[in-house]
Amino acid sequence: KIEWGLIGSCTNSSYEDLSRASSIADQALNKNLSTKAFFGINPGSEQVRYTAERDGFLDIFEKFNALK
């Protein structure tokens, strides 16, 4: 049983990675789907985290995790 997953990596997670993952999460939210496990986000740098937050990706991930 998977209880927790990770989106990102320790050093290589790019803005594009988070953009694609948030797009999938947003599509799932729009279809009222949820996950069977929690997941965490690990941006590769503070700049990627800031940009992802600015563009609303982190809000999408938080909403999606809240459905668990």
N, C-alpha and C. Protein backbone atom coordinates (compact mmCIF):
# COMPACT_ATOMS: atom_id res chain seq x y z
N LYS A 1 0.85 -1.17 0.00
CA LYS A 1 0.00 0.00 0.00
C LYS A 1 0.90 1.25 0.00
N ILE A 2 0.62 2.15 -0.91
CA ILE A 2 1.38 3.41 -0.96
C ILE A 2 0.67 4.41 -0.07
N GLU A 3 1.40 4.98 0.88
CA GLU A 3 0.82 5.95 1.80
C GLU A 3 1.26 7.38 1.51
N TRP A 4 2.41 7.52 0.84
CA TRP A 4 2.96 8.86 0.61
C TRP A 4 3.82 8.83 -0.64
N GLY A 5 3.72 9.85 -1.47
CA GLY A 5 4.51 9.94 -2.69
C GLY A 5 5.23 11.28 -2.77
N LEU A 6 6.16 11.39 -3.70
CA LEU A 6 6.95 12.60 -3.85
C LEU A 6 6.88 13.08 -5.30
N ILE A 7 6.64 14.36 -5.46
CA ILE A 7 6.74 15.00 -6.76
C ILE A 7 7.94 15.92 -6.68
N GLY A 8 8.97 15.61 -7.46
CA GLY A 8 10.18 16.41 -7.42
C GLY A 8 11.38 15.52 -7.17
N SER A 9 12.47 16.15 -6.86
CA SER A 9 13.71 15.44 -6.55
C SER A 9 14.58 16.35 -5.70
N CYS A 10 15.69 15.81 -5.23
CA CYS A 10 16.51 16.60 -4.31
C CYS A 10 17.16 17.80 -4.99
N THR A 11 17.59 17.65 -6.24
CA THR A 11 18.27 18.79 -6.87
C THR A 11 17.80 19.10 -8.28
N ASN A 12 17.06 18.22 -8.91
CA ASN A 12 16.76 18.41 -10.32
C ASN A 12 15.32 18.79 -10.64
N SER A 13 14.48 18.97 -9.65
CA SER A 13 13.08 19.27 -9.93
C SER A 13 12.95 20.66 -10.54
N SER A 14 12.43 20.72 -11.73
CA SER A 14 12.34 21.99 -12.43
C SER A 14 10.93 22.55 -12.38
N TYR A 15 10.82 23.77 -12.79
CA TYR A 15 9.52 24.42 -12.90
C TYR A 15 8.62 23.63 -13.84
N GLU A 16 9.18 23.15 -14.93
CA GLU A 16 8.39 22.39 -15.90
C GLU A 16 7.82 21.11 -15.28
N ASP A 17 8.62 20.42 -14.46
CA ASP A 17 8.13 19.22 -13.77
C ASP A 17 6.91 19.55 -12.92
N LEU A 18 7.02 20.61 -12.13
CA LEU A 18 5.91 20.98 -11.24
C LEU A 18 4.72 21.49 -12.04
N SER A 19 4.96 22.16 -13.15
CA SER A 19 3.88 22.63 -14.00
C SER A 19 3.07 21.46 -14.55
N ARG A 20 3.74 20.45 -15.02
CA ARG A 20 3.04 19.27 -15.56
C ARG A 20 2.28 18.53 -14.48
N ALA A 21 2.91 18.35 -13.33
CA ALA A 21 2.25 17.65 -12.24
C ALA A 21 1.04 18.43 -11.73
N SER A 22 1.15 19.75 -11.64
CA SER A 22 0.01 20.54 -11.17
C SER A 22 -1.11 20.54 -12.20
N SER A 23 -0.78 20.46 -13.48
CA SER A 23 -1.80 20.36 -14.52
C SER A 23 -2.60 19.07 -14.36
N ILE A 24 -1.91 17.97 -14.10
CA ILE A 24 -2.59 16.69 -13.89
C ILE A 24 -3.46 16.76 -12.64
N ALA A 25 -2.91 17.32 -11.55
CA ALA A 25 -3.69 17.45 -10.31
C ALA A 25 -4.91 18.34 -10.53
N ASP A 26 -4.76 19.41 -11.28
CA ASP A 26 -5.88 20.31 -11.55
C ASP A 26 -6.96 19.61 -12.37
N GLN A 27 -6.56 18.82 -13.35
CA GLN A 27 -7.52 18.06 -14.14
C GLN A 27 -8.29 17.07 -13.26
N ALA A 28 -7.57 16.43 -12.35
CA ALA A 28 -8.21 15.48 -11.43
C ALA A 28 -9.19 16.21 -10.51
N LEU A 29 -8.80 17.38 -10.01
CA LEU A 29 -9.71 18.17 -9.17
C LEU A 29 -10.98 18.52 -9.93
N ASN A 30 -10.83 18.91 -11.19
CA ASN A 30 -11.99 19.29 -12.01
C ASN A 30 -12.92 18.11 -12.28
N LYS A 31 -12.40 16.88 -12.16
CA LYS A 31 -13.21 15.68 -12.36
C LYS A 31 -13.60 15.04 -11.04
N ASN A 32 -13.36 15.78 -9.93
CA ASN A 32 -13.68 15.30 -8.58
C ASN A 32 -13.00 13.98 -8.24
N LEU A 33 -11.77 13.81 -8.72
CA LEU A 33 -10.98 12.63 -8.38
C LEU A 33 -10.09 12.95 -7.17
N SER A 34 -9.67 11.93 -6.47
CA SER A 34 -8.76 12.13 -5.35
C SER A 34 -7.70 11.03 -5.37
N THR A 35 -6.69 11.22 -4.56
CA THR A 35 -5.62 10.22 -4.48
C THR A 35 -5.91 9.26 -3.33
N LYS A 36 -5.23 8.12 -3.37
CA LYS A 36 -5.31 7.17 -2.28
C LYS A 36 -4.17 7.39 -1.29
N ALA A 37 -3.28 8.30 -1.61
CA ALA A 37 -2.12 8.58 -0.76
C ALA A 37 -1.84 10.07 -0.77
N PHE A 38 -1.19 10.54 0.28
CA PHE A 38 -0.72 11.91 0.32
C PHE A 38 0.53 12.02 -0.54
N PHE A 39 0.85 13.20 -1.00
CA PHE A 39 2.09 13.41 -1.72
C PHE A 39 2.72 14.72 -1.31
N GLY A 40 4.02 14.77 -1.43
CA GLY A 40 4.77 15.97 -1.10
C GLY A 40 5.40 16.56 -2.34
N ILE A 41 5.69 17.83 -2.27
CA ILE A 41 6.30 18.54 -3.37
C ILE A 41 7.71 18.94 -2.94
N ASN A 42 8.69 18.71 -3.81
CA ASN A 42 10.07 19.06 -3.49
C ASN A 42 10.69 19.83 -4.65
N PRO A 43 10.48 21.16 -4.68
CA PRO A 43 11.12 21.95 -5.73
C PRO A 43 12.64 21.86 -5.64
N GLY A 44 13.30 21.91 -6.80
CA GLY A 44 14.75 21.77 -6.83
C GLY A 44 15.51 22.97 -6.32
N SER A 45 14.84 24.12 -6.20
CA SER A 45 15.52 25.31 -5.71
C SER A 45 14.48 26.27 -5.12
N GLU A 46 14.95 27.25 -4.40
CA GLU A 46 14.05 28.26 -3.84
C GLU A 46 13.40 29.06 -4.95
N GLN A 47 14.11 29.30 -6.05
CA GLN A 47 13.53 30.04 -7.17
C GLN A 47 12.38 29.25 -7.81
N VAL A 48 12.55 27.95 -7.96
CA VAL A 48 11.47 27.11 -8.51
C VAL A 48 10.29 27.12 -7.55
N ARG A 49 10.54 27.03 -6.25
CA ARG A 49 9.45 27.05 -5.27
C ARG A 49 8.69 28.37 -5.34
N TYR A 50 9.42 29.47 -5.38
CA TYR A 50 8.80 30.79 -5.43
C TYR A 50 7.93 30.93 -6.69
N THR A 51 8.47 30.52 -7.82
CA THR A 51 7.74 30.65 -9.08
C THR A 51 6.52 29.74 -9.09
N ALA A 52 6.65 28.53 -8.58
CA ALA A 52 5.51 27.61 -8.50
C ALA A 52 4.43 28.16 -7.57
N GLU A 53 4.85 28.76 -6.47
CA GLU A 53 3.87 29.37 -5.56
C GLU A 53 3.19 30.56 -6.23
N ARG A 54 3.96 31.40 -6.88
CA ARG A 54 3.44 32.58 -7.57
C ARG A 54 2.40 32.20 -8.63
N ASP A 55 2.64 31.08 -9.32
CA ASP A 55 1.77 30.67 -10.40
C ASP A 55 0.62 29.77 -9.96
N GLY A 56 0.50 29.56 -8.65
CA GLY A 56 -0.64 28.84 -8.11
C GLY A 56 -0.51 27.33 -8.06
N PHE A 57 0.65 26.80 -8.43
CA PHE A 57 0.82 25.35 -8.42
C PHE A 57 0.70 24.77 -7.02
N LEU A 58 1.29 25.44 -6.05
CA LEU A 58 1.26 24.91 -4.69
C LEU A 58 -0.16 24.89 -4.13
N ASP A 59 -0.97 25.87 -4.48
CA ASP A 59 -2.37 25.86 -4.07
C ASP A 59 -3.11 24.67 -4.65
N ILE A 60 -2.85 24.35 -5.90
CA ILE A 60 -3.49 23.19 -6.53
C ILE A 60 -3.11 21.92 -5.79
N PHE A 61 -1.82 21.76 -5.50
CA PHE A 61 -1.36 20.56 -4.78
C PHE A 61 -1.99 20.48 -3.39
N GLU A 62 -2.10 21.60 -2.70
CA GLU A 62 -2.71 21.60 -1.36
C GLU A 62 -4.17 21.20 -1.44
N LYS A 63 -4.91 21.72 -2.41
CA LYS A 63 -6.32 21.35 -2.58
C LYS A 63 -6.44 19.86 -2.88
N PHE A 64 -5.56 19.37 -3.72
CA PHE A 64 -5.64 17.95 -4.10
C PHE A 64 -5.32 17.05 -2.90
N ASN A 65 -4.33 17.42 -2.10
CA ASN A 65 -4.00 16.64 -0.90
C ASN A 65 -5.13 16.71 0.12
N ALA A 66 -5.85 17.82 0.17
CA ALA A 66 -6.93 17.99 1.14
C ALA A 66 -8.08 17.02 0.88
N LEU A 67 -8.21 16.51 -0.34
CA LEU A 67 -9.28 15.58 -0.67
C LEU A 67 -9.01 14.19 -0.12
N LYS A 68 -7.81 13.93 0.29
CA LYS A 68 -7.44 12.61 0.81
C LYS A 68 -8.24 12.28 2.02
